[in-house]
Amino acid sequence: LFAGPPVLWQGVLNLHGKAGYLWARAVALGVLLLVAAVAFLIAGLIGV
């Protein structure tokens, strides 16, 4: 949850230009981190 939004934000800001494919991967990584954060927090709350 801490690392996902900055990665997603940097990816979206730098999506245009020559390195757009690289930053598209950063956007995908940011989304994946946010989805993983939701899944981990749900599993943690169930564990608590």
ModelCIF file with pLDDT and N, C-alpha, C, O atoms, coordinates in Angstrom:
data_MODEL
#
_entry.id   MODEL 
#
_entity.id                         1 
_entity.type                       polymer 
_entity.pdbx_number_of_molecules   1 
#
_entity_poly.entity_id                      1 
_entity_poly.type                           'polypeptide(L)' 
_entity_poly.nstd_linkage                   no 
_entity_poly.nstd_monomer                   no 
_entity_poly.pdbx_seq_one_letter_code       LFAGPPVLWQGVLNLHGKAGYLWARAVALGVLLLVAAVAFLIAGLIGV 
_entity_poly.pdbx_seq_one_letter_code_can   LFAGPPVLWQGVLNLHGKAGYLWARAVALGVLLLVAAVAFLIAGLIGV 
_entity_poly.pdbx_strand_id                 A 
#
loop_
_entity_poly_seq.entity_id 
_entity_poly_seq.num 
_entity_poly_seq.mon_id 
_entity_poly_seq.hetero 
1 1  LEU n 
1 2  PHE n 
1 3  ALA n 
1 4  GLY n 
1 5  PRO n 
1 6  PRO n 
1 7  VAL n 
1 8  LEU n 
1 9  TRP n 
1 10 GLN n 
1 11 GLY n 
1 12 VAL n 
1 13 LEU n 
1 14 ASN n 
1 15 LEU n 
1 16 HIS n 
1 17 GLY n 
1 18 LYS n 
1 19 ALA n 
1 20 GLY n 
1 21 TYR n 
1 22 LEU n 
1 23 TRP n 
1 24 ALA n 
1 25 ARG n 
1 26 ALA n 
1 27 VAL n 
1 28 ALA n 
1 29 LEU n 
1 30 GLY n 
1 31 VAL n 
1 32 LEU n 
1 33 LEU n 
1 34 LEU n 
1 35 VAL n 
1 36 ALA n 
1 37 ALA n 
1 38 VAL n 
1 39 ALA n 
1 40 PHE n 
1 41 LEU n 
1 42 ILE n 
1 43 ALA n 
1 44 GLY n 
1 45 LEU n 
1 46 ILE n 
1 47 GLY n 
1 48 VAL n 
#
_struct_asym.id          A 
_struct_asym.entity_id   1 
#
loop_
_ma_qa_metric.id 
_ma_qa_metric.mode 
_ma_qa_metric.name 
_ma_qa_metric.software_group_id 
_ma_qa_metric.type 
1 global pLDDT . pLDDT 
2 local  pLDDT . pLDDT 
#
_ma_qa_metric_global.metric_id      1 
_ma_qa_metric_global.metric_value   93.71 
_ma_qa_metric_global.model_id       1 
_ma_qa_metric_global.ordinal_id     1 
#
loop_
_ma_qa_metric_local.label_asym_id 
_ma_qa_metric_local.label_comp_id 
_ma_qa_metric_local.label_seq_id 
_ma_qa_metric_local.metric_id 
_ma_qa_metric_local.metric_value 
_ma_qa_metric_local.model_id 
_ma_qa_metric_local.ordinal_id 
A LEU 1  2 95.00 1 1  
A PHE 2  2 96.00 1 2  
A ALA 3  2 96.00 1 3  
A GLY 4  2 95.00 1 4  
A PRO 5  2 96.00 1 5  
A PRO 6  2 96.00 1 6  
A VAL 7  2 95.00 1 7  
A LEU 8  2 94.00 1 8  
A TRP 9  2 96.00 1 9  
A GLN 10 2 93.00 1 10 
A GLY 11 2 93.00 1 11 
A VAL 12 2 93.00 1 12 
A LEU 13 2 92.00 1 13 
A ASN 14 2 91.00 1 14 
A LEU 15 2 90.00 1 15 
A HIS 16 2 88.00 1 16 
A GLY 17 2 84.00 1 17 
A LYS 18 2 86.00 1 18 
A ALA 19 2 85.00 1 19 
A GLY 20 2 88.00 1 20 
A TYR 21 2 87.00 1 21 
A LEU 22 2 89.00 1 22 
A TRP 23 2 91.00 1 23 
A ALA 24 2 93.00 1 24 
A ARG 25 2 94.00 1 25 
A ALA 26 2 93.00 1 26 
A VAL 27 2 94.00 1 27 
A ALA 28 2 96.00 1 28 
A LEU 29 2 96.00 1 29 
A GLY 30 2 96.00 1 30 
A VAL 31 2 96.00 1 31 
A LEU 32 2 97.00 1 32 
A LEU 33 2 96.00 1 33 
A LEU 34 2 96.00 1 34 
A VAL 35 2 97.00 1 35 
A ALA 36 2 97.00 1 36 
A ALA 37 2 97.00 1 37 
A VAL 38 2 97.00 1 38 
A ALA 39 2 97.00 1 39 
A PHE 40 2 97.00 1 40 
A LEU 41 2 96.00 1 41 
A ILE 42 2 97.00 1 42 
A ALA 43 2 96.00 1 43 
A GLY 44 2 95.00 1 44 
A LEU 45 2 95.00 1 45 
A ILE 46 2 95.00 1 46 
A GLY 47 2 93.00 1 47 
A VAL 48 2 93.00 1 48 
#
loop_
_atom_site.group_PDB 
_atom_site.id 
_atom_site.type_symbol 
_atom_site.label_atom_id 
_atom_site.label_alt_id 
_atom_site.label_comp_id 
_atom_site.label_asym_id 
_atom_site.label_entity_id 
_atom_site.label_seq_id 
_atom_site.pdbx_PDB_ins_code 
_atom_site.Cartn_x 
_atom_site.Cartn_y 
_atom_site.Cartn_z 
_atom_site.occupancy 
_atom_site.B_iso_or_equiv 
_atom_site.pdbx_formal_charge 
_atom_site.auth_seq_id 
_atom_site.auth_comp_id 
_atom_site.auth_asym_id 
_atom_site.auth_atom_id 
_atom_site.pdbx_PDB_model_num 
ATOM 1   N N  . LEU A 1 1  ? 0.823  -1.200  0.000   1.00 95.00 ? 1  LEU A N  1 
ATOM 2   C CA . LEU A 1 1  ? 0.000  0.000   0.000   1.00 95.00 ? 1  LEU A CA 1 
ATOM 3   C C  . LEU A 1 1  ? 0.862  1.257   0.000   1.00 95.00 ? 1  LEU A C  1 
ATOM 4   O O  . LEU A 1 1  ? 0.463  2.287   -0.544  1.00 95.00 ? 1  LEU A O  1 
ATOM 5   N N  . PHE A 1 2  ? 2.032  1.176   0.603   1.00 96.00 ? 2  PHE A N  1 
ATOM 6   C CA . PHE A 1 2  ? 2.960  2.305   0.640   1.00 96.00 ? 2  PHE A CA 1 
ATOM 7   C C  . PHE A 1 2  ? 3.716  2.451   -0.684  1.00 96.00 ? 2  PHE A C  1 
ATOM 8   O O  . PHE A 1 2  ? 3.954  3.573   -1.132  1.00 96.00 ? 2  PHE A O  1 
ATOM 9   N N  . ALA A 1 3  ? 4.095  1.338   -1.314  1.00 96.00 ? 3  ALA A N  1 
ATOM 10  C CA . ALA A 1 3  ? 4.921  1.384   -2.525  1.00 96.00 ? 3  ALA A CA 1 
ATOM 11  C C  . ALA A 1 3  ? 4.107  1.461   -3.810  1.00 96.00 ? 3  ALA A C  1 
ATOM 12  O O  . ALA A 1 3  ? 4.629  1.927   -4.823  1.00 96.00 ? 3  ALA A O  1 
ATOM 13  N N  . GLY A 1 4  ? 2.866  1.029   -3.811  1.00 95.00 ? 4  GLY A N  1 
ATOM 14  C CA . GLY A 1 4  ? 2.066  0.982   -5.030  1.00 95.00 ? 4  GLY A CA 1 
ATOM 15  C C  . GLY A 1 4  ? 1.734  2.334   -5.644  1.00 95.00 ? 4  GLY A C  1 
ATOM 16  O O  . GLY A 1 4  ? 1.994  2.534   -6.830  1.00 95.00 ? 4  GLY A O  1 
ATOM 17  N N  . PRO A 1 5  ? 1.169  3.270   -4.886  1.00 96.00 ? 5  PRO A N  1 
ATOM 18  C CA . PRO A 1 5  ? 0.800  4.557   -5.482  1.00 96.00 ? 5  PRO A CA 1 
ATOM 19  C C  . PRO A 1 5  ? 1.965  5.354   -6.084  1.00 96.00 ? 5  PRO A C  1 
ATOM 20  O O  . PRO A 1 5  ? 1.794  5.920   -7.164  1.00 96.00 ? 5  PRO A O  1 
ATOM 21  N N  . PRO A 1 6  ? 3.155  5.429   -5.435  1.00 96.00 ? 6  PRO A N  1 
ATOM 22  C CA . PRO A 1 6  ? 4.245  6.165   -6.094  1.00 96.00 ? 6  PRO A CA 1 
ATOM 23  C C  . PRO A 1 6  ? 4.684  5.532   -7.417  1.00 96.00 ? 6  PRO A C  1 
ATOM 24  O O  . PRO A 1 6  ? 4.984  6.243   -8.376  1.00 96.00 ? 6  PRO A O  1 
ATOM 25  N N  . VAL A 1 7  ? 4.722  4.204   -7.471  1.00 95.00 ? 7  VAL A N  1 
ATOM 26  C CA . VAL A 1 7  ? 5.110  3.536   -8.712  1.00 95.00 ? 7  VAL A CA 1 
ATOM 27  C C  . VAL A 1 7  ? 4.065  3.795   -9.790  1.00 95.00 ? 7  VAL A C  1 
ATOM 28  O O  . VAL A 1 7  ? 4.411  4.071   -10.939 1.00 95.00 ? 7  VAL A O  1 
ATOM 29  N N  . LEU A 1 8  ? 2.800  3.710   -9.429  1.00 94.00 ? 8  LEU A N  1 
ATOM 30  C CA . LEU A 1 8  ? 1.721  3.974   -10.377 1.00 94.00 ? 8  LEU A CA 1 
ATOM 31  C C  . LEU A 1 8  ? 1.757  5.427   -10.849 1.00 94.00 ? 8  LEU A C  1 
ATOM 32  O O  . LEU A 1 8  ? 1.587  5.696   -12.038 1.00 94.00 ? 8  LEU A O  1 
ATOM 33  N N  . TRP A 1 9  ? 1.974  6.356   -9.934  1.00 96.00 ? 9  TRP A N  1 
ATOM 34  C CA . TRP A 1 9  ? 2.018  7.775   -10.279 1.00 96.00 ? 9  TRP A CA 1 
ATOM 35  C C  . TRP A 1 9  ? 3.175  8.081   -11.220 1.00 96.00 ? 9  TRP A C  1 
ATOM 36  O O  . TRP A 1 9  ? 2.984  8.778   -12.217 1.00 96.00 ? 9  TRP A O  1 
ATOM 37  N N  . GLN A 1 10 ? 4.364  7.578   -10.929 1.00 93.00 ? 10 GLN A N  1 
ATOM 38  C CA . GLN A 1 10 ? 5.522  7.790   -11.814 1.00 93.00 ? 10 GLN A CA 1 
ATOM 39  C C  . GLN A 1 10 ? 5.278  7.176   -13.183 1.00 93.00 ? 10 GLN A C  1 
ATOM 40  O O  . GLN A 1 10 ? 5.655  7.764   -14.197 1.00 93.00 ? 10 GLN A O  1 
ATOM 41  N N  . GLY A 1 11 ? 4.661  6.021   -13.229 1.00 93.00 ? 11 GLY A N  1 
ATOM 42  C CA . GLY A 1 11 ? 4.385  5.378   -14.505 1.00 93.00 ? 11 GLY A CA 1 
ATOM 43  C C  . GLY A 1 11 ? 3.411  6.170   -15.357 1.00 93.00 ? 11 GLY A C  1 
ATOM 44  O O  . GLY A 1 11 ? 3.602  6.300   -16.566 1.00 93.00 ? 11 GLY A O  1 
ATOM 45  N N  . VAL A 1 12 ? 2.371  6.699   -14.734 1.00 93.00 ? 12 VAL A N  1 
ATOM 46  C CA . VAL A 1 12 ? 1.374  7.471   -15.479 1.00 93.00 ? 12 VAL A CA 1 
ATOM 47  C C  . VAL A 1 12 ? 1.972  8.783   -15.975 1.00 93.00 ? 12 VAL A C  1 
ATOM 48  O O  . VAL A 1 12 ? 1.703  9.202   -17.101 1.00 93.00 ? 12 VAL A O  1 
ATOM 49  N N  . LEU A 1 13 ? 2.787  9.437   -15.138 1.00 92.00 ? 13 LEU A N  1 
ATOM 50  C CA . LEU A 1 13 ? 3.386  10.709  -15.544 1.00 92.00 ? 13 LEU A CA 1 
ATOM 51  C C  . LEU A 1 13 ? 4.345  10.554  -16.718 1.00 92.00 ? 13 LEU A C  1 
ATOM 52  O O  . LEU A 1 13 ? 4.436  11.455  -17.552 1.00 92.00 ? 13 LEU A O  1 
ATOM 53  N N  . ASN A 1 14 ? 5.062  9.438   -16.805 1.00 91.00 ? 14 ASN A N  1 
ATOM 54  C CA . ASN A 1 14 ? 6.078  9.248   -17.837 1.00 91.00 ? 14 ASN A CA 1 
ATOM 55  C C  . ASN A 1 14 ? 5.627  8.312   -18.953 1.00 91.00 ? 14 ASN A C  1 
ATOM 56  O O  . ASN A 1 14 ? 6.466  7.756   -19.662 1.00 91.00 ? 14 ASN A O  1 
ATOM 57  N N  . LEU A 1 15 ? 4.344  8.130   -19.119 1.00 90.00 ? 15 LEU A N  1 
ATOM 58  C CA . LEU A 1 15 ? 3.856  7.175   -20.115 1.00 90.00 ? 15 LEU A CA 1 
ATOM 59  C C  . LEU A 1 15 ? 4.104  7.629   -21.549 1.00 90.00 ? 15 LEU A C  1 
ATOM 60  O O  . LEU A 1 15 ? 4.315  6.792   -22.426 1.00 90.00 ? 15 LEU A O  1 
ATOM 61  N N  . HIS A 1 16 ? 4.084  8.899   -21.801 1.00 88.00 ? 16 HIS A N  1 
ATOM 62  C CA . HIS A 1 16 ? 4.313  9.371   -23.162 1.00 88.00 ? 16 HIS A CA 1 
ATOM 63  C C  . HIS A 1 16 ? 5.824  9.499   -23.417 1.00 88.00 ? 16 HIS A C  1 
ATOM 64  O O  . HIS A 1 16 ? 6.604  9.682   -22.482 1.00 88.00 ? 16 HIS A O  1 
ATOM 65  N N  . GLY A 1 17 ? 6.212  9.403   -24.651 1.00 84.00 ? 17 GLY A N  1 
ATOM 66  C CA . GLY A 1 17 ? 7.622  9.539   -25.002 1.00 84.00 ? 17 GLY A CA 1 
ATOM 67  C C  . GLY A 1 17 ? 8.186  8.226   -25.506 1.00 84.00 ? 17 GLY A C  1 
ATOM 68  O O  . GLY A 1 17 ? 7.456  7.266   -25.754 1.00 84.00 ? 17 GLY A O  1 
ATOM 69  N N  . LYS A 1 18 ? 9.522  8.206   -25.655 1.00 86.00 ? 18 LYS A N  1 
ATOM 70  C CA . LYS A 1 18 ? 10.195 7.030   -26.221 1.00 86.00 ? 18 LYS A CA 1 
ATOM 71  C C  . LYS A 1 18 ? 10.168 5.826   -25.277 1.00 86.00 ? 18 LYS A C  1 
ATOM 72  O O  . LYS A 1 18 ? 10.096 4.685   -25.732 1.00 86.00 ? 18 LYS A O  1 
ATOM 73  N N  . ALA A 1 19 ? 10.224 6.069   -24.005 1.00 85.00 ? 19 ALA A N  1 
ATOM 74  C CA . ALA A 1 19 ? 10.277 4.973   -23.035 1.00 85.00 ? 19 ALA A CA 1 
ATOM 75  C C  . ALA A 1 19 ? 8.880  4.615   -22.520 1.00 85.00 ? 19 ALA A C  1 
ATOM 76  O O  . ALA A 1 19 ? 8.730  4.188   -21.375 1.00 85.00 ? 19 ALA A O  1 
ATOM 77  N N  . GLY A 1 20 ? 7.872  4.787   -23.354 1.00 88.00 ? 20 GLY A N  1 
ATOM 78  C CA . GLY A 1 20 ? 6.496  4.526   -22.940 1.00 88.00 ? 20 GLY A CA 1 
ATOM 79  C C  . GLY A 1 20 ? 6.251  3.073   -22.562 1.00 88.00 ? 20 GLY A C  1 
ATOM 80  O O  . GLY A 1 20 ? 5.473  2.787   -21.652 1.00 88.00 ? 20 GLY A O  1 
ATOM 81  N N  . TYR A 1 21 ? 6.920  2.145   -23.266 1.00 87.00 ? 21 TYR A N  1 
ATOM 82  C CA . TYR A 1 21 ? 6.737  0.722   -22.940 1.00 87.00 ? 21 TYR A CA 1 
ATOM 83  C C  . TYR A 1 21 ? 7.274  0.397   -21.544 1.00 87.00 ? 21 TYR A C  1 
ATOM 84  O O  . TYR A 1 21 ? 6.662  -0.373  -20.803 1.00 87.00 ? 21 TYR A O  1 
ATOM 85  N N  . LEU A 1 22 ? 8.403  0.980   -21.193 1.00 89.00 ? 22 LEU A N  1 
ATOM 86  C CA . LEU A 1 22 ? 8.963  0.767   -19.857 1.00 89.00 ? 22 LEU A CA 1 
ATOM 87  C C  . LEU A 1 22 ? 8.018  1.302   -18.783 1.00 89.00 ? 22 LEU A C  1 
ATOM 88  O O  . LEU A 1 22 ? 7.792  0.643   -17.768 1.00 89.00 ? 22 LEU A O  1 
ATOM 89  N N  . TRP A 1 23 ? 7.475  2.482   -19.003 1.00 91.00 ? 23 TRP A N  1 
ATOM 90  C CA . TRP A 1 23 ? 6.603  3.077   -18.003 1.00 91.00 ? 23 TRP A CA 1 
ATOM 91  C C  . TRP A 1 23 ? 5.241  2.411   -17.974 1.00 91.00 ? 23 TRP A C  1 
ATOM 92  O O  . TRP A 1 23 ? 4.553  2.466   -16.955 1.00 91.00 ? 23 TRP A O  1 
ATOM 93  N N  . ALA A 1 24 ? 4.834  1.781   -19.069 1.00 93.00 ? 24 ALA A N  1 
ATOM 94  C CA . ALA A 1 24 ? 3.602  0.992   -19.043 1.00 93.00 ? 24 ALA A CA 1 
ATOM 95  C C  . ALA A 1 24 ? 3.775  -0.195  -18.099 1.00 93.00 ? 24 ALA A C  1 
ATOM 96  O O  . ALA A 1 24 ? 2.836  -0.590  -17.408 1.00 93.00 ? 24 ALA A O  1 
ATOM 97  N N  . ARG A 1 25 ? 4.972  -0.754  -18.075 1.00 94.00 ? 25 ARG A N  1 
ATOM 98  C CA . ARG A 1 25 ? 5.248  -1.827  -17.102 1.00 94.00 ? 25 ARG A CA 1 
ATOM 99  C C  . ARG A 1 25 ? 5.202  -1.303  -15.668 1.00 94.00 ? 25 ARG A C  1 
ATOM 100 O O  . ARG A 1 25 ? 4.757  -2.004  -14.759 1.00 94.00 ? 25 ARG A O  1 
ATOM 101 N N  . ALA A 1 26 ? 5.662  -0.069  -15.472 1.00 93.00 ? 26 ALA A N  1 
ATOM 102 C CA . ALA A 1 26 ? 5.600  0.522   -14.129 1.00 93.00 ? 26 ALA A CA 1 
ATOM 103 C C  . ALA A 1 26 ? 4.147  0.740   -13.700 1.00 93.00 ? 26 ALA A C  1 
ATOM 104 O O  . ALA A 1 26 ? 3.805  0.542   -12.535 1.00 93.00 ? 26 ALA A O  1 
ATOM 105 N N  . VAL A 1 27 ? 3.296  1.150   -14.644 1.00 94.00 ? 27 VAL A N  1 
ATOM 106 C CA . VAL A 1 27 ? 1.874  1.308   -14.330 1.00 94.00 ? 27 VAL A CA 1 
ATOM 107 C C  . VAL A 1 27 ? 1.277  -0.040  -13.938 1.00 94.00 ? 27 VAL A C  1 
ATOM 108 O O  . VAL A 1 27 ? 0.534  -0.141  -12.962 1.00 94.00 ? 27 VAL A O  1 
ATOM 109 N N  . ALA A 1 28 ? 1.611  -1.071  -14.709 1.00 96.00 ? 28 ALA A N  1 
ATOM 110 C CA . ALA A 1 28 ? 1.100  -2.414  -14.395 1.00 96.00 ? 28 ALA A CA 1 
ATOM 111 C C  . ALA A 1 28 ? 1.613  -2.879  -13.032 1.00 96.00 ? 28 ALA A C  1 
ATOM 112 O O  . ALA A 1 28 ? 0.872  -3.501  -12.271 1.00 96.00 ? 28 ALA A O  1 
ATOM 113 N N  . LEU A 1 29 ? 2.873  -2.581  -12.722 1.00 96.00 ? 29 LEU A N  1 
ATOM 114 C CA . LEU A 1 29 ? 3.424  -2.964  -11.414 1.00 96.00 ? 29 LEU A CA 1 
ATOM 115 C C  . LEU A 1 29 ? 2.718  -2.222  -10.291 1.00 96.00 ? 29 LEU A C  1 
ATOM 116 O O  . LEU A 1 29 ? 2.435  -2.804  -9.244  1.00 96.00 ? 29 LEU A O  1 
ATOM 117 N N  . GLY A 1 30 ? 2.430  -0.939  -10.500 1.00 96.00 ? 30 GLY A N  1 
ATOM 118 C CA . GLY A 1 30 ? 1.716  -0.163  -9.478  1.00 96.00 ? 30 GLY A CA 1 
ATOM 119 C C  . GLY A 1 30 ? 0.322  -0.712  -9.220  1.00 96.00 ? 30 GLY A C  1 
ATOM 120 O O  . GLY A 1 30 ? -0.110 -0.815  -8.072  1.00 96.00 ? 30 GLY A O  1 
ATOM 121 N N  . VAL A 1 31 ? -0.381 -1.065  -10.292 1.00 96.00 ? 31 VAL A N  1 
ATOM 122 C CA . VAL A 1 31 ? -1.720 -1.643  -10.135 1.00 96.00 ? 31 VAL A CA 1 
ATOM 123 C C  . VAL A 1 31 ? -1.630 -2.993  -9.428  1.00 96.00 ? 31 VAL A C  1 
ATOM 124 O O  . VAL A 1 31 ? -2.440 -3.304  -8.554  1.00 96.00 ? 31 VAL A O  1 
ATOM 125 N N  . LEU A 1 32 ? -0.639 -3.788  -9.815  1.00 97.00 ? 32 LEU A N  1 
ATOM 126 C CA . LEU A 1 32 ? -0.446 -5.093  -9.174  1.00 97.00 ? 32 LEU A CA 1 
ATOM 127 C C  . LEU A 1 32 ? -0.136 -4.944  -7.689  1.00 97.00 ? 32 LEU A C  1 
ATOM 128 O O  . LEU A 1 32 ? -0.639 -5.713  -6.871  1.00 97.00 ? 32 LEU A O  1 
ATOM 129 N N  . LEU A 1 33 ? 0.685  -3.962  -7.336  1.00 96.00 ? 33 LEU A N  1 
ATOM 130 C CA . LEU A 1 33 ? 0.987  -3.729  -5.924  1.00 96.00 ? 33 LEU A CA 1 
ATOM 131 C C  . LEU A 1 33 ? -0.251 -3.315  -5.147  1.00 96.00 ? 33 LEU A C  1 
ATOM 132 O O  . LEU A 1 33 ? -0.427 -3.728  -4.001  1.00 96.00 ? 33 LEU A O  1 
ATOM 133 N N  . LEU A 1 34 ? -1.106 -2.510  -5.750  1.00 96.00 ? 34 LEU A N  1 
ATOM 134 C CA . LEU A 1 34 ? -2.328 -2.098  -5.052  1.00 96.00 ? 34 LEU A CA 1 
ATOM 135 C C  . LEU A 1 34 ? -3.301 -3.266  -4.880  1.00 96.00 ? 34 LEU A C  1 
ATOM 136 O O  . LEU A 1 34 ? -3.932 -3.402  -3.831  1.00 96.00 ? 34 LEU A O  1 
ATOM 137 N N  . VAL A 1 35 ? -3.421 -4.096  -5.895  1.00 97.00 ? 35 VAL A N  1 
ATOM 138 C CA . VAL A 1 35 ? -4.289 -5.280  -5.781  1.00 97.00 ? 35 VAL A CA 1 
ATOM 139 C C  . VAL A 1 35 ? -3.736 -6.238  -4.726  1.00 97.00 ? 35 VAL A C  1 
ATOM 140 O O  . VAL A 1 35 ? -4.489 -6.801  -3.931  1.00 97.00 ? 35 VAL A O  1 
ATOM 141 N N  . ALA A 1 36 ? -2.408 -6.418  -4.725  1.00 97.00 ? 36 ALA A N  1 
ATOM 142 C CA . ALA A 1 36 ? -1.792 -7.284  -3.715  1.00 97.00 ? 36 ALA A CA 1 
ATOM 143 C C  . ALA A 1 36 ? -1.979 -6.708  -2.321  1.00 97.00 ? 36 ALA A C  1 
ATOM 144 O O  . ALA A 1 36 ? -2.176 -7.457  -1.364  1.00 97.00 ? 36 ALA A O  1 
ATOM 145 N N  . ALA A 1 37 ? -1.920 -5.376  -2.193  1.00 97.00 ? 37 ALA A N  1 
ATOM 146 C CA . ALA A 1 37 ? -2.125 -4.748  -0.884  1.00 97.00 ? 37 ALA A CA 1 
ATOM 147 C C  . ALA A 1 37 ? -3.524 -5.036  -0.356  1.00 97.00 ? 37 ALA A C  1 
ATOM 148 O O  . ALA A 1 37 ? -3.697 -5.346  0.822   1.00 97.00 ? 37 ALA A O  1 
ATOM 149 N N  . VAL A 1 38 ? -4.516 -4.932  -1.225  1.00 97.00 ? 38 VAL A N  1 
ATOM 150 C CA . VAL A 1 38 ? -5.894 -5.219  -0.796  1.00 97.00 ? 38 VAL A CA 1 
ATOM 151 C C  . VAL A 1 38 ? -6.019 -6.687  -0.381  1.00 97.00 ? 38 VAL A C  1 
ATOM 152 O O  . VAL A 1 38 ? -6.636 -6.995  0.638   1.00 97.00 ? 38 VAL A O  1 
ATOM 153 N N  . ALA A 1 39 ? -5.434 -7.589  -1.170  1.00 97.00 ? 39 ALA A N  1 
ATOM 154 C CA . ALA A 1 39 ? -5.526 -9.021  -0.847  1.00 97.00 ? 39 ALA A CA 1 
ATOM 155 C C  . ALA A 1 39 ? -4.807 -9.336  0.465   1.00 97.00 ? 39 ALA A C  1 
ATOM 156 O O  . ALA A 1 39 ? -5.327 -10.079 1.297   1.00 97.00 ? 39 ALA A O  1 
ATOM 157 N N  . PHE A 1 40 ? -3.609 -8.772  0.649   1.00 97.00 ? 40 PHE A N  1 
ATOM 158 C CA . PHE A 1 40 ? -2.862 -9.023  1.882   1.00 97.00 ? 40 PHE A CA 1 
ATOM 159 C C  . PHE A 1 40 ? -3.584 -8.463  3.097   1.00 97.00 ? 40 PHE A C  1 
ATOM 160 O O  . PHE A 1 40 ? -3.636 -9.111  4.143   1.00 97.00 ? 40 PHE A O  1 
ATOM 161 N N  . LEU A 1 41 ? -4.138 -7.271  2.969   1.00 96.00 ? 41 LEU A N  1 
ATOM 162 C CA . LEU A 1 41 ? -4.834 -6.680  4.111   1.00 96.00 ? 41 LEU A CA 1 
ATOM 163 C C  . LEU A 1 41 ? -6.100 -7.460  4.462   1.00 96.00 ? 41 LEU A C  1 
ATOM 164 O O  . LEU A 1 41 ? -6.422 -7.618  5.640   1.00 96.00 ? 41 LEU A O  1 
ATOM 165 N N  . ILE A 1 42 ? -6.812 -7.941  3.463   1.00 97.00 ? 42 ILE A N  1 
ATOM 166 C CA . ILE A 1 42 ? -7.991 -8.776  3.752   1.00 97.00 ? 42 ILE A CA 1 
ATOM 167 C C  . ILE A 1 42 ? -7.568 -10.065 4.454   1.00 97.00 ? 42 ILE A C  1 
ATOM 168 O O  . ILE A 1 42 ? -8.189 -10.476 5.434   1.00 97.00 ? 42 ILE A O  1 
ATOM 169 N N  . ALA A 1 43 ? -6.500 -10.704 3.946   1.00 96.00 ? 43 ALA A N  1 
ATOM 170 C CA . ALA A 1 43 ? -6.009 -11.931 4.589   1.00 96.00 ? 43 ALA A CA 1 
ATOM 171 C C  . ALA A 1 43 ? -5.521 -11.644 6.006   1.00 96.00 ? 43 ALA A C  1 
ATOM 172 O O  . ALA A 1 43 ? -5.729 -12.456 6.908   1.00 96.00 ? 43 ALA A O  1 
ATOM 173 N N  . GLY A 1 44 ? -4.877 -10.502 6.209   1.00 95.00 ? 44 GLY A N  1 
ATOM 174 C CA . GLY A 1 44 ? -4.416 -10.137 7.547   1.00 95.00 ? 44 GLY A CA 1 
ATOM 175 C C  . GLY A 1 44 ? -5.555 -9.885  8.506   1.00 95.00 ? 44 GLY A C  1 
ATOM 176 O O  . GLY A 1 44 ? -5.490 -10.297 9.665   1.00 95.00 ? 44 GLY A O  1 
ATOM 177 N N  . LEU A 1 45 ? -6.607 -9.210  8.043   1.00 95.00 ? 45 LEU A N  1 
ATOM 178 C CA . LEU A 1 45 ? -7.752 -8.955  8.907   1.00 95.00 ? 45 LEU A CA 1 
ATOM 179 C C  . LEU A 1 45 ? -8.501 -10.234 9.249   1.00 95.00 ? 45 LEU A C  1 
ATOM 180 O O  . LEU A 1 45 ? -8.996 -10.388 10.365  1.00 95.00 ? 45 LEU A O  1 
ATOM 181 N N  . ILE A 1 46 ? -8.585 -11.147 8.294   1.00 95.00 ? 46 ILE A N  1 
ATOM 182 C CA . ILE A 1 46 ? -9.181 -12.446 8.588   1.00 95.00 ? 46 ILE A CA 1 
ATOM 183 C C  . ILE A 1 46 ? -8.336 -13.184 9.623   1.00 95.00 ? 46 ILE A C  1 
ATOM 184 O O  . ILE A 1 46 ? -8.877 -13.822 10.527  1.00 95.00 ? 46 ILE A O  1 
ATOM 185 N N  . GLY A 1 47 ? -7.010 -13.099 9.494   1.00 93.00 ? 47 GLY A N  1 
ATOM 186 C CA . GLY A 1 47 ? -6.126 -13.714 10.466  1.00 93.00 ? 47 GLY A CA 1 
ATOM 187 C C  . GLY A 1 47 ? -6.249 -13.113 11.848  1.00 93.00 ? 47 GLY A C  1 
ATOM 188 O O  . GLY A 1 47 ? -6.215 -13.835 12.845  1.00 93.00 ? 47 GLY A O  1 
ATOM 189 N N  . VAL A 1 48 ? -6.395 -11.781 11.924  1.00 93.00 ? 48 VAL A N  1 
ATOM 190 C CA . VAL A 1 48 ? -6.581 -11.125 13.216  1.00 93.00 ? 48 VAL A CA 1 
ATOM 191 C C  . VAL A 1 48 ? -7.884 -11.597 13.854  1.00 93.00 ? 48 VAL A C  1 
ATOM 192 O O  . VAL A 1 48 ? -8.227 -11.161 14.952  1.00 93.00 ? 48 VAL A O  1 
#
